[in-house]
Amino acid sequence: MRNIEITISEEILAACPVFRFAAIECEVKNSLHSNELWQEIDSFCAYFAAKHKIEDINKRPAIFATRQTYKKLGKAPNRYRPSAEALCRRIIRGLGLYQIDTLVDIINLVSLKTGYSIGGFDADKIQGDLVLGVGNENEPFEAIGRGLLNIEGLPVYRDDVGGIGTPTSDEERTKITADTSRLLMIINGYSGKEGLKEGVDYSVELLKKFAKASDFRFFG
């Protein structure tokens, strides 16, 4: 198994000096749906909706820090919402989470619970190593389910081919599918390292329970 490495650019560290990430690479068995997982998701969504108001969402520490980084990079966070914020807002508005597949559903649950925008990728589709930089004007990026996304000013992970992930959306080329057998999951801490370990521990628990995850590699 090839080990993917991740480098953080000076551009990102200038905008967010406290930025840290935690990456999980593992072998997985994906499935289209897990009833047991969705019992957990539905239970947490009901709890979350009862405890939060929509005006409080962007004050959650991980979401607030991501939004502040957007602003420092010149991106409007209300127009290009970080994915964790968008998920939380769906729950408060009573729309529920999308049902995609078990791996994506796990990532969405972790993101909802922690406030982190999490990149989830089919590791076998990544070409070379990754660098977290800043999107350029007219840089091509086909966001999953959204079409072309203007990533100028967004933090973006790039491999040797191009961008694969931003806090707003990941890219079609490296997306998780039913055939994904090797997962790369990146938890992005624009609020710093506090809370990242708990996010990793919760992710591993879910991945083992619902995706038969094994052969773990942790880095960050």
Protein backbone atom coordinates (compact mmCIF):
# COMPACT_ATOMS: atom_id res chain seq x y z
CA MET A 1 0.00 0.00 0.00
CA ARG A 2 1.43 3.36 -1.04
CA ASN A 3 1.61 5.88 1.79
CA ILE A 4 0.11 9.23 0.82
CA GLU A 5 1.84 12.23 2.41
CA ILE A 6 0.25 15.62 3.09
CA THR A 7 2.03 18.98 3.15
CA ILE A 8 0.53 22.28 4.36
CA SER A 9 1.49 25.34 2.30
CA GLU A 10 2.74 28.61 3.72
CA GLU A 11 -0.35 30.30 2.22
CA ILE A 12 -2.61 28.31 4.52
CA LEU A 13 -0.42 28.73 7.59
CA ALA A 14 -0.26 32.50 6.99
CA ALA A 15 -4.07 32.66 7.01
CA CYS A 16 -4.50 30.11 9.80
CA PRO A 17 -1.32 29.61 11.87
CA VAL A 18 -3.02 27.14 14.23
CA PHE A 19 -4.19 24.82 11.42
CA ARG A 20 -3.73 21.13 12.10
CA PHE A 21 -5.13 18.04 10.45
CA ALA A 22 -5.60 14.40 11.34
CA ALA A 23 -5.62 11.84 8.54
CA ILE A 24 -6.90 8.27 8.61
CA GLU A 25 -5.97 5.82 5.86
CA CYS A 26 -7.48 2.33 6.00
CA GLU A 27 -8.90 -0.63 4.14
CA VAL A 28 -12.72 -0.63 4.11
CA LYS A 29 -15.76 -2.48 2.83
CA ASN A 30 -18.35 0.02 1.70
CA SER A 31 -22.08 -0.67 1.44
CA LEU A 32 -25.04 1.22 0.02
CA HIS A 33 -26.86 1.46 3.35
CA SER A 34 -26.56 0.42 7.00
CA ASN A 35 -29.77 0.37 9.03
CA GLU A 36 -27.82 0.28 12.29
CA LEU A 37 -25.73 3.29 11.29
CA TRP A 38 -28.84 5.22 10.33
CA GLN A 39 -30.37 4.51 13.71
CA GLU A 40 -27.35 6.29 15.21
CA ILE A 41 -27.59 9.11 12.69
CA ASP A 42 -31.31 9.66 13.24
CA SER A 43 -30.87 9.60 17.02
CA PHE A 44 -28.05 12.13 16.94
CA CYS A 45 -29.87 14.39 14.48
CA ALA A 46 -32.91 14.51 16.78
CA TYR A 47 -30.68 15.35 19.75
CA PHE A 48 -28.77 17.97 17.76
CA ALA A 49 -31.91 19.69 16.46
CA ALA A 50 -33.31 19.91 19.99
CA LYS A 51 -30.12 21.47 21.40
CA HIS A 52 -29.20 24.03 18.71
CA LYS A 53 -30.63 27.03 16.91
CA ILE A 54 -29.63 27.91 13.37
CA GLU A 55 -28.06 31.23 14.46
CA ASP A 56 -25.71 29.31 16.78
CA ILE A 57 -24.25 27.01 14.12
CA ASN A 58 -21.54 29.34 12.83
CA LYS A 59 -20.39 29.91 16.42
CA ARG A 60 -19.33 26.29 16.89
CA PRO A 61 -15.51 26.53 17.31
CA ALA A 62 -14.45 24.37 14.34
CA ILE A 63 -17.00 26.00 12.02
CA PHE A 64 -16.22 29.51 13.23
CA ALA A 65 -12.49 28.99 12.64
CA THR A 66 -13.06 27.62 9.14
CA ARG A 67 -15.25 30.62 8.29
CA GLN A 68 -12.59 33.01 9.59
CA THR A 69 -9.98 31.38 7.36
CA TYR A 70 -12.30 31.80 4.38
CA LYS A 71 -12.61 35.50 5.16
CA LYS A 72 -8.83 35.91 5.46
CA LEU A 73 -8.42 34.26 2.06
CA GLY A 74 -11.07 36.54 0.53
CA LYS A 75 -13.89 33.97 0.28
CA ALA A 76 -17.46 34.69 1.44
CA PRO A 77 -18.38 31.91 3.92
CA ASN A 78 -22.12 32.54 3.62
CA ARG A 79 -21.97 31.91 -0.12
CA TYR A 80 -19.51 29.00 0.02
CA ARG A 81 -20.45 27.42 3.33
CA PRO A 82 -18.07 24.89 4.89
CA SER A 83 -19.64 21.45 4.56
CA ALA A 84 -19.97 20.95 8.34
CA GLU A 85 -21.97 24.16 8.61
CA ALA A 86 -24.19 23.16 5.69
CA LEU A 87 -24.90 19.77 7.30
CA CYS A 88 -25.77 21.36 10.64
CA ARG A 89 -28.11 23.83 8.99
CA ARG A 90 -29.93 21.00 7.19
CA ILE A 91 -30.62 19.29 10.50
CA ILE A 92 -31.90 22.44 12.19
CA ARG A 93 -34.16 23.12 9.20
CA GLY A 94 -35.58 19.59 9.45
CA LEU A 95 -34.20 18.43 6.09
CA GLY A 96 -32.14 15.54 7.45
CA LEU A 97 -28.86 14.19 6.10
CA TYR A 98 -28.51 12.88 2.57
CA GLN A 99 -28.24 9.09 2.36
CA ILE A 100 -25.26 8.42 0.08
CA ASP A 101 -23.42 5.24 1.10
CA THR A 102 -22.04 3.93 4.37
CA LEU A 103 -18.60 5.58 4.16
CA VAL A 104 -19.97 8.99 3.21
CA ASP A 105 -22.74 8.67 5.80
CA ILE A 106 -20.11 7.95 8.49
CA ILE A 107 -18.08 11.00 7.46
CA ASN A 108 -21.17 13.19 7.52
CA LEU A 109 -22.08 11.99 11.02
CA VAL A 110 -18.57 12.73 12.32
CA SER A 111 -18.66 16.15 10.66
CA LEU A 112 -22.05 16.94 12.14
CA LYS A 113 -21.02 15.85 15.62
CA THR A 114 -17.62 17.60 15.67
CA GLY A 115 -18.11 20.63 13.42
CA TYR A 116 -15.08 19.71 11.32
CA SER A 117 -15.24 19.84 7.52
CA ILE A 118 -13.88 16.41 6.60
CA GLY A 119 -12.44 15.29 3.30
CA GLY A 120 -13.27 11.74 2.29
CA PHE A 121 -11.46 10.23 -0.69
CA ASP A 122 -10.94 6.97 -2.53
CA ALA A 123 -7.22 6.70 -1.81
CA ASP A 124 -6.57 4.56 -4.89
CA LYS A 125 -7.72 7.44 -7.12
CA ILE A 126 -5.25 9.94 -5.63
CA GLN A 127 -2.19 10.45 -7.82
CA GLY A 128 0.95 11.31 -5.87
CA ASP A 129 1.00 13.15 -2.57
CA LEU A 130 -1.22 16.00 -1.38
CA VAL A 131 -0.55 19.66 -0.72
CA LEU A 132 -3.06 21.94 1.02
CA GLY A 133 -2.96 25.30 -0.74
CA VAL A 134 -5.34 28.01 -1.91
CA GLY A 135 -7.54 27.85 -4.99
CA ASN A 136 -6.63 29.97 -8.02
CA GLU A 137 -8.80 32.00 -10.38
CA ASN A 138 -10.52 29.75 -12.96
CA GLU A 139 -8.97 26.61 -11.48
CA PRO A 140 -11.09 23.65 -12.63
CA PHE A 141 -12.91 21.79 -9.87
CA GLU A 142 -15.98 19.62 -10.39
CA ALA A 143 -17.65 19.48 -7.00
CA ILE A 144 -19.56 16.32 -6.13
CA GLY A 145 -23.20 16.82 -7.04
CA ARG A 146 -22.70 20.54 -7.66
CA GLY A 147 -20.89 20.86 -10.97
CA LEU A 148 -18.09 23.36 -11.46
CA LEU A 149 -17.22 25.17 -8.23
CA ASN A 150 -15.35 28.47 -8.03
CA ILE A 151 -12.55 27.50 -5.63
CA GLU A 152 -10.59 30.74 -5.94
CA GLY A 153 -9.69 31.68 -2.37
CA LEU A 154 -10.78 28.33 -0.89
CA PRO A 155 -8.35 26.03 0.89
CA VAL A 156 -7.82 23.11 -1.50
CA TYR A 157 -6.00 19.79 -1.35
CA ARG A 158 -4.22 19.02 -4.63
CA ASP A 159 -2.57 15.87 -5.89
CA ASP A 160 -0.36 15.62 -8.98
CA VAL A 161 -3.39 16.13 -11.25
CA GLY A 162 -5.27 18.93 -9.48
CA GLY A 163 -7.67 19.80 -6.71
CA ILE A 164 -9.50 17.02 -4.90
CA GLY A 165 -11.00 18.61 -1.81
CA THR A 166 -12.05 21.85 -0.15
CA PRO A 167 -13.95 22.43 3.12
CA THR A 168 -17.00 23.27 0.97
CA SER A 169 -16.96 20.21 -1.29
CA ASP A 170 -14.80 17.38 -2.56
CA GLU A 171 -14.10 16.65 -6.24
CA GLU A 172 -15.71 14.06 -8.49
CA ARG A 173 -12.42 12.50 -9.61
CA THR A 174 -11.47 11.03 -6.22
CA LYS A 175 -14.91 10.59 -4.66
CA ILE A 176 -15.94 7.58 -2.63
CA THR A 177 -18.06 5.02 -4.48
CA ALA A 178 -19.53 1.59 -3.75
CA ASP A 179 -16.27 0.10 -5.04
CA THR A 180 -13.99 2.09 -2.72
CA SER A 181 -11.77 -0.30 -0.77
CA ARG A 182 -9.13 2.11 0.55
CA LEU A 183 -10.22 5.28 2.32
CA LEU A 184 -8.38 8.50 3.03
CA MET A 185 -10.22 10.67 5.54
CA ILE A 186 -8.83 14.10 6.47
CA ILE A 187 -10.20 15.96 9.51
CA ASN A 188 -9.38 19.64 9.07
CA GLY A 189 -8.73 21.61 12.26
CA TYR A 190 -8.78 25.30 11.38
CA SER A 191 -9.43 25.77 15.10
CA GLY A 192 -6.19 23.96 16.01
CA LYS A 193 -5.38 20.50 17.32
CA GLU A 194 -7.78 20.47 20.26
CA GLY A 195 -10.56 17.98 19.54
CA LEU A 196 -8.83 16.25 16.63
CA LYS A 197 -7.95 13.13 18.63
CA GLU A 198 -11.56 12.76 19.73
CA GLY A 199 -12.65 13.14 16.11
CA VAL A 200 -10.22 10.42 15.02
CA ASP A 201 -11.31 8.07 17.81
CA TYR A 202 -14.98 8.48 16.92
CA SER A 203 -14.26 7.99 13.22
CA VAL A 204 -12.30 4.80 13.86
CA GLU A 205 -15.10 3.46 16.05
CA LEU A 206 -17.66 4.01 13.29
CA LEU A 207 -15.41 2.74 10.50
CA LYS A 208 -14.67 -0.49 12.35
CA LYS A 209 -18.31 -1.01 13.29
CA PHE A 210 -19.97 -0.24 9.97
CA ALA A 211 -17.28 -0.52 7.27
CA LYS A 212 -15.13 -3.38 8.61
CA ALA A 213 -12.12 -1.04 8.54
CA SER A 214 -8.65 -2.51 9.03
CA ASP A 215 -4.96 -1.84 8.35
CA PHE A 216 -5.13 1.68 9.76
CA ARG A 217 -2.53 4.38 9.23
CA PHE A 218 -2.77 7.65 11.15
CA PHE A 219 -0.83 10.80 10.36
CA GLY A 220 -1.03 14.56 10.68
